[in-house]
């Protein structure tokens, strides 16, 4: 199971895996805009709700609920 790490100084998040993920997971990471960091040996992306929820899903954590749309006043 991957480990999620927040990197506030870069406004990013990182995913660390104990072993190479399955091809299906690698494809999902790439499709969602995550990139491989050769030096840190992790996958990283900008920190936003979409990337955080994707990472939490991979880590078997509960994703953050989407905020309901704002109601327009008449």
N, C-alpha and C. Protein backbone atom coordinates (compact mmCIF):
# COMPACT_ATOMS: atom_id res chain seq x y z
N UNK A 1 0.84 -1.17 0.00
CA UNK A 1 0.00 0.00 0.00
C UNK A 1 0.90 1.24 0.00
N UNK A 2 0.59 2.23 -0.83
CA UNK A 2 1.43 3.43 -0.90
C UNK A 2 1.25 4.33 0.32
N UNK A 3 2.23 5.20 0.50
CA UNK A 3 2.20 6.19 1.58
C UNK A 3 2.08 7.57 0.95
N UNK A 4 1.16 8.36 1.48
CA UNK A 4 0.91 9.70 0.99
C UNK A 4 1.65 10.71 1.86
N UNK A 5 2.36 11.64 1.21
CA UNK A 5 3.10 12.67 1.93
C UNK A 5 2.76 14.02 1.33
N UNK A 6 2.44 14.98 2.21
CA UNK A 6 2.16 16.34 1.77
C UNK A 6 3.45 17.15 1.79
N UNK A 7 3.65 17.97 0.76
CA UNK A 7 4.84 18.80 0.65
C UNK A 7 4.38 20.25 0.47
N UNK A 8 4.05 20.93 1.59
CA UNK A 8 3.48 22.27 1.49
C UNK A 8 4.41 23.31 0.87
N UNK A 9 5.71 23.16 1.07
CA UNK A 9 6.64 24.15 0.51
C UNK A 9 6.66 24.15 -1.02
N UNK A 10 6.17 23.07 -1.64
CA UNK A 10 6.09 22.99 -3.10
C UNK A 10 4.64 22.90 -3.57
N UNK A 11 3.70 23.03 -2.62
CA UNK A 11 2.28 22.88 -2.91
C UNK A 11 2.04 21.57 -3.66
N UNK A 12 2.64 20.49 -3.14
CA UNK A 12 2.53 19.21 -3.81
C UNK A 12 2.23 18.07 -2.86
N UNK A 13 2.02 16.91 -3.46
CA UNK A 13 1.85 15.67 -2.71
C UNK A 13 2.68 14.59 -3.40
N UNK A 14 3.12 13.64 -2.59
CA UNK A 14 3.97 12.55 -3.09
C UNK A 14 3.39 11.21 -2.66
N UNK A 15 3.54 10.22 -3.51
CA UNK A 15 3.14 8.85 -3.21
C UNK A 15 4.36 7.95 -3.26
N UNK A 16 4.59 7.25 -2.16
CA UNK A 16 5.72 6.31 -2.06
C UNK A 16 5.17 4.89 -2.02
N UNK A 17 5.72 4.03 -2.85
CA UNK A 17 5.33 2.63 -2.91
C UNK A 17 6.48 1.77 -2.38
N UNK A 18 6.16 0.67 -1.67
CA UNK A 18 7.19 -0.26 -1.17
C UNK A 18 7.81 -1.06 -2.30
N UNK A 19 7.03 -1.30 -3.33
CA UNK A 19 7.49 -2.06 -4.50
C UNK A 19 6.89 -1.41 -5.74
N UNK A 20 7.35 -1.82 -6.89
CA UNK A 20 6.82 -1.26 -8.13
C UNK A 20 5.33 -1.57 -8.24
N UNK A 21 4.52 -0.54 -8.47
CA UNK A 21 3.07 -0.77 -8.60
C UNK A 21 2.76 -1.56 -9.86
N UNK A 22 1.58 -2.16 -9.87
CA UNK A 22 1.12 -2.89 -11.04
C UNK A 22 0.94 -1.93 -12.21
N UNK A 23 0.98 -2.46 -13.42
CA UNK A 23 0.88 -1.64 -14.63
C UNK A 23 -0.40 -0.81 -14.64
N UNK A 24 -1.48 -1.39 -14.15
CA UNK A 24 -2.76 -0.68 -14.14
C UNK A 24 -2.65 0.57 -13.26
N UNK A 25 -1.97 0.48 -12.14
CA UNK A 25 -1.79 1.63 -11.24
C UNK A 25 -0.86 2.65 -11.90
N UNK A 26 0.20 2.19 -12.53
CA UNK A 26 1.11 3.10 -13.21
C UNK A 26 0.37 3.87 -14.31
N UNK A 27 -0.48 3.18 -15.04
CA UNK A 27 -1.26 3.83 -16.09
C UNK A 27 -2.19 4.88 -15.50
N UNK A 28 -2.82 4.56 -14.36
CA UNK A 28 -3.71 5.52 -13.70
C UNK A 28 -2.94 6.75 -13.23
N UNK A 29 -1.76 6.54 -12.67
CA UNK A 29 -0.94 7.67 -12.22
C UNK A 29 -0.62 8.59 -13.40
N UNK A 30 -0.20 8.00 -14.50
CA UNK A 30 0.17 8.79 -15.68
C UNK A 30 -1.05 9.51 -16.26
N UNK A 31 -2.17 8.81 -16.33
CA UNK A 31 -3.40 9.41 -16.88
C UNK A 31 -3.87 10.59 -16.04
N UNK A 32 -3.58 10.55 -14.74
CA UNK A 32 -4.01 11.61 -13.84
C UNK A 32 -2.96 12.71 -13.66
N UNK A 33 -1.90 12.67 -14.47
CA UNK A 33 -0.92 13.74 -14.47
C UNK A 33 0.17 13.64 -13.43
N UNK A 34 0.31 12.50 -12.78
CA UNK A 34 1.38 12.31 -11.81
C UNK A 34 2.68 12.04 -12.54
N UNK A 35 3.78 12.46 -11.95
CA UNK A 35 5.10 12.26 -12.58
C UNK A 35 6.03 11.55 -11.61
N UNK A 36 7.01 10.84 -12.17
CA UNK A 36 7.98 10.07 -11.40
C UNK A 36 9.16 10.96 -11.03
N UNK A 37 9.56 10.94 -9.77
CA UNK A 37 10.72 11.70 -9.30
C UNK A 37 11.86 10.70 -9.10
N UNK A 38 12.87 10.77 -9.99
CA UNK A 38 13.97 9.79 -9.96
C UNK A 38 14.77 9.83 -8.67
N UNK A 39 15.01 11.02 -8.16
CA UNK A 39 15.86 11.15 -6.97
C UNK A 39 15.12 10.66 -5.72
N UNK A 40 13.89 11.11 -5.53
CA UNK A 40 13.12 10.74 -4.34
C UNK A 40 12.48 9.35 -4.47
N UNK A 41 12.44 8.81 -5.70
CA UNK A 41 11.82 7.51 -5.96
C UNK A 41 10.35 7.50 -5.52
N UNK A 42 9.61 8.52 -5.98
CA UNK A 42 8.20 8.62 -5.65
C UNK A 42 7.45 9.23 -6.82
N UNK A 43 6.13 9.14 -6.78
CA UNK A 43 5.26 9.80 -7.74
C UNK A 43 4.80 11.09 -7.10
N UNK A 44 4.73 12.18 -7.88
CA UNK A 44 4.34 13.46 -7.31
C UNK A 44 3.39 14.22 -8.22
N UNK A 45 2.63 15.12 -7.60
CA UNK A 45 1.68 15.96 -8.33
C UNK A 45 1.41 17.21 -7.50
N UNK A 46 0.83 18.22 -8.14
CA UNK A 46 0.41 19.41 -7.42
C UNK A 46 -0.70 19.02 -6.45
N UNK A 47 -0.73 19.70 -5.31
CA UNK A 47 -1.75 19.41 -4.32
C UNK A 47 -3.04 20.15 -4.67
N UNK A 48 -4.04 19.37 -5.04
CA UNK A 48 -5.39 19.90 -5.23
C UNK A 48 -6.35 18.78 -4.83
N UNK A 49 -7.63 19.11 -4.75
CA UNK A 49 -8.61 18.14 -4.27
C UNK A 49 -8.65 16.88 -5.13
N UNK A 50 -8.56 17.06 -6.44
CA UNK A 50 -8.62 15.90 -7.35
C UNK A 50 -7.45 14.96 -7.13
N UNK A 51 -6.23 15.51 -7.08
CA UNK A 51 -5.04 14.67 -6.87
C UNK A 51 -5.03 14.04 -5.49
N UNK A 52 -5.48 14.79 -4.49
CA UNK A 52 -5.53 14.25 -3.13
C UNK A 52 -6.51 13.10 -3.04
N UNK A 53 -7.68 13.25 -3.63
CA UNK A 53 -8.68 12.17 -3.59
C UNK A 53 -8.19 10.94 -4.34
N UNK A 54 -7.53 11.14 -5.47
CA UNK A 54 -6.97 10.01 -6.22
C UNK A 54 -5.94 9.28 -5.37
N UNK A 55 -5.04 10.03 -4.72
CA UNK A 55 -3.99 9.43 -3.88
C UNK A 55 -4.61 8.69 -2.69
N UNK A 56 -5.60 9.30 -2.06
CA UNK A 56 -6.25 8.65 -0.92
C UNK A 56 -6.95 7.36 -1.33
N UNK A 57 -7.51 7.35 -2.53
CA UNK A 57 -8.14 6.13 -3.03
C UNK A 57 -7.10 5.02 -3.18
N UNK A 58 -5.93 5.37 -3.72
CA UNK A 58 -4.86 4.37 -3.86
C UNK A 58 -4.36 3.89 -2.49
N UNK A 59 -4.39 4.78 -1.50
CA UNK A 59 -3.91 4.44 -0.15
C UNK A 59 -5.00 3.83 0.71
N UNK A 60 -6.17 3.57 0.13
CA UNK A 60 -7.32 3.03 0.85
C UNK A 60 -7.77 3.93 2.00
N UNK A 61 -7.65 5.25 1.80
CA UNK A 61 -8.15 6.22 2.76
C UNK A 61 -9.45 6.78 2.23
N UNK A 62 -10.20 7.43 3.09
CA UNK A 62 -11.45 8.04 2.67
C UNK A 62 -11.18 9.35 1.96
N UNK A 63 -11.60 9.46 0.70
CA UNK A 63 -11.39 10.72 -0.02
C UNK A 63 -12.19 11.85 0.59
N UNK A 64 -11.72 13.07 0.37
CA UNK A 64 -12.41 14.26 0.84
C UNK A 64 -13.70 14.41 0.03
N UNK A 65 -14.83 14.70 0.70
CA UNK A 65 -16.08 14.87 -0.06
C UNK A 65 -16.02 16.11 -0.93
N UNK A 66 -16.66 16.02 -2.09
CA UNK A 66 -16.69 17.18 -2.99
C UNK A 66 -17.63 18.22 -2.39
N UNK A 67 -17.25 19.46 -2.52
CA UNK A 67 -18.11 20.53 -2.01
C UNK A 67 -19.29 20.69 -2.94
N UNK A 68 -20.47 20.84 -2.35
CA UNK A 68 -21.66 20.99 -3.19
C UNK A 68 -21.61 22.32 -3.93
N UNK A 69 -22.23 22.38 -5.10
CA UNK A 69 -22.21 23.64 -5.86
C UNK A 69 -22.93 24.74 -5.08
N UNK A 70 -22.44 25.96 -5.22
CA UNK A 70 -23.06 27.09 -4.54
C UNK A 70 -24.40 27.41 -5.21
N UNK A 71 -25.37 27.70 -4.35
CA UNK A 71 -26.69 28.07 -4.86
C UNK A 71 -26.69 29.54 -5.21
N UNK A 72 -27.27 29.84 -6.36
CA UNK A 72 -27.35 31.23 -6.77
C UNK A 72 -28.57 31.86 -6.11
N UNK A 73 -28.39 33.07 -5.63
CA UNK A 73 -29.52 33.76 -5.01
C UNK A 73 -30.35 34.46 -6.10
N UNK A 74 -31.68 34.45 -5.94
CA UNK A 74 -32.54 35.04 -6.98
C UNK A 74 -32.45 36.54 -7.05
